Protein backbone atom coordinates (compact mmCIF):
# COMPACT_ATOMS: atom_id res chain seq x y z
CA MET A 1 -6.76 -12.18 16.43
CA CYS A 2 -6.52 -8.95 14.98
CA VAL A 3 -3.83 -6.47 16.18
CA LEU A 4 -2.42 -3.38 15.02
CA CYS A 5 1.09 -2.99 13.66
CA VAL A 6 2.83 0.30 12.40
CA VAL A 7 4.60 -0.15 8.76
CA CYS A 8 5.96 2.26 6.65
CA VAL A 9 4.47 3.24 3.18
CA LEU A 10 6.30 4.39 0.04
CA TYR A 11 4.69 5.93 -2.79
CA PHE A 12 6.50 5.71 -6.30
CA ALA A 13 6.00 7.49 -9.76
CA GLN A 14 2.30 8.43 -10.01
CA SER A 15 1.17 7.49 -6.72
CA ALA A 16 3.76 10.07 -5.36
CA ASP A 17 2.21 12.68 -7.61
CA LEU A 18 -1.25 11.55 -6.23
CA THR A 19 -0.53 11.84 -2.84
CA GLY A 20 2.15 14.76 -2.51
CA VAL A 21 4.52 12.39 -0.44
CA ARG A 22 7.01 9.93 -1.19
CA GLY A 23 6.59 8.09 1.92
CA GLU A 24 4.72 7.79 5.47
CA GLU A 25 7.04 6.55 8.36
CA SER A 26 3.99 5.44 10.71
CA VAL A 27 0.97 4.12 9.61
CA ALA A 28 -1.33 1.84 11.56
CA VAL A 29 -2.51 -1.10 9.90
CA PRO A 30 -4.68 -4.11 11.45
CA THR A 31 -3.13 -7.45 11.01
CA PRO A 32 -3.70 -9.81 9.46
CA ILE A 33 -5.30 -8.04 6.44
CA SER A 34 -6.02 -8.60 3.21
CA SER A 35 -4.49 -6.92 0.39
CA GLN A 36 -7.80 -5.37 -0.82
CA ASP A 37 -8.15 -4.17 2.78
CA LEU A 38 -4.85 -2.66 2.85
CA TRP A 39 -5.50 -0.84 -0.44
CA THR A 40 -8.81 0.31 1.03
CA LEU A 41 -7.03 1.84 4.01
CA LEU A 42 -4.36 3.87 1.60
CA LEU A 43 -7.41 4.82 -0.15
CA ARG A 44 -9.09 6.26 2.64
CA ARG A 45 -5.87 8.17 3.78
CA HIS A 46 -5.17 9.35 0.11
CA PRO A 47 -8.61 9.27 -1.89
CA ARG A 48 -6.68 10.54 -5.27
CA LEU A 49 -4.84 7.25 -5.35
CA SER A 50 -8.50 5.90 -6.95
CA ALA A 51 -7.07 7.24 -10.28
CA LEU A 52 -4.87 4.26 -10.10
CA GLN A 53 -7.66 1.64 -9.46
CA ARG A 54 -6.95 -1.81 -10.99
CA ARG A 55 -3.84 -0.44 -12.22
CA VAL A 56 -1.51 -0.85 -9.05
CA VAL A 57 0.22 -3.51 -7.07
CA LEU A 58 1.39 -3.31 -3.65
CA ALA A 59 4.65 -4.55 -2.80
CA VAL A 60 4.80 -5.98 0.98
CA ARG A 61 8.72 -6.58 2.16
CA GLN A 62 9.91 -6.06 -1.71
CA GLN A 63 7.47 -8.81 -2.72
CA TYR A 64 4.79 -7.99 -5.07
CA VAL A 65 1.12 -8.55 -3.83
CA ALA A 66 -1.76 -8.55 -6.14
CA ILE A 67 -4.92 -6.47 -4.87
CA GLY A 68 -7.48 -8.84 -3.85
CA ASP A 69 -8.41 -11.61 -1.14
CA HIS A 70 -4.44 -12.47 -0.52
CA LEU A 71 -4.18 -12.35 3.39
CA LEU A 72 -1.11 -10.29 4.77
CA THR A 73 0.54 -10.72 8.06
CA LEU A 74 2.33 -7.42 8.85
CA GLU A 75 5.03 -6.45 11.53
CA ASP A 76 5.88 -3.47 12.83
CA GLY A 77 8.46 -1.84 10.80
CA ASP A 78 7.37 -3.61 7.62
CA GLU A 79 7.62 -1.72 4.39
CA VAL A 80 4.32 -1.39 2.07
CA ALA A 81 5.07 0.01 -1.48
CA VAL A 82 2.40 1.38 -3.68
CA VAL A 83 3.54 0.53 -7.49
CA PRO A 84 1.82 2.12 -10.10
CA PRO A 85 2.02 0.92 -13.72
CA LEU A 86 5.47 1.86 -15.15
CA SER A 87 5.79 3.18 -18.84
CA GLY A 88 8.84 3.70 -20.82
CA GLY A 89 10.89 2.08 -23.66
């Protein structure tokens, strides 16, 4: 059974630059949802994120999740973060 939940999405580094925001408090997301479908949903909201395609991971409840077939069960208030590749030395 698929239901909608409302999550908080955080954007870090280049993803914040591309979206123009650091976070969104109320994003409606169907659950369960694959990590690929979640990424697609975020791309629809912010098409410029496509610049990070294949170089980004998501973090759900502060746990890294690869974008793919991984099934996520989200709950109202969960935190989803878009984490682009970090560089530095």
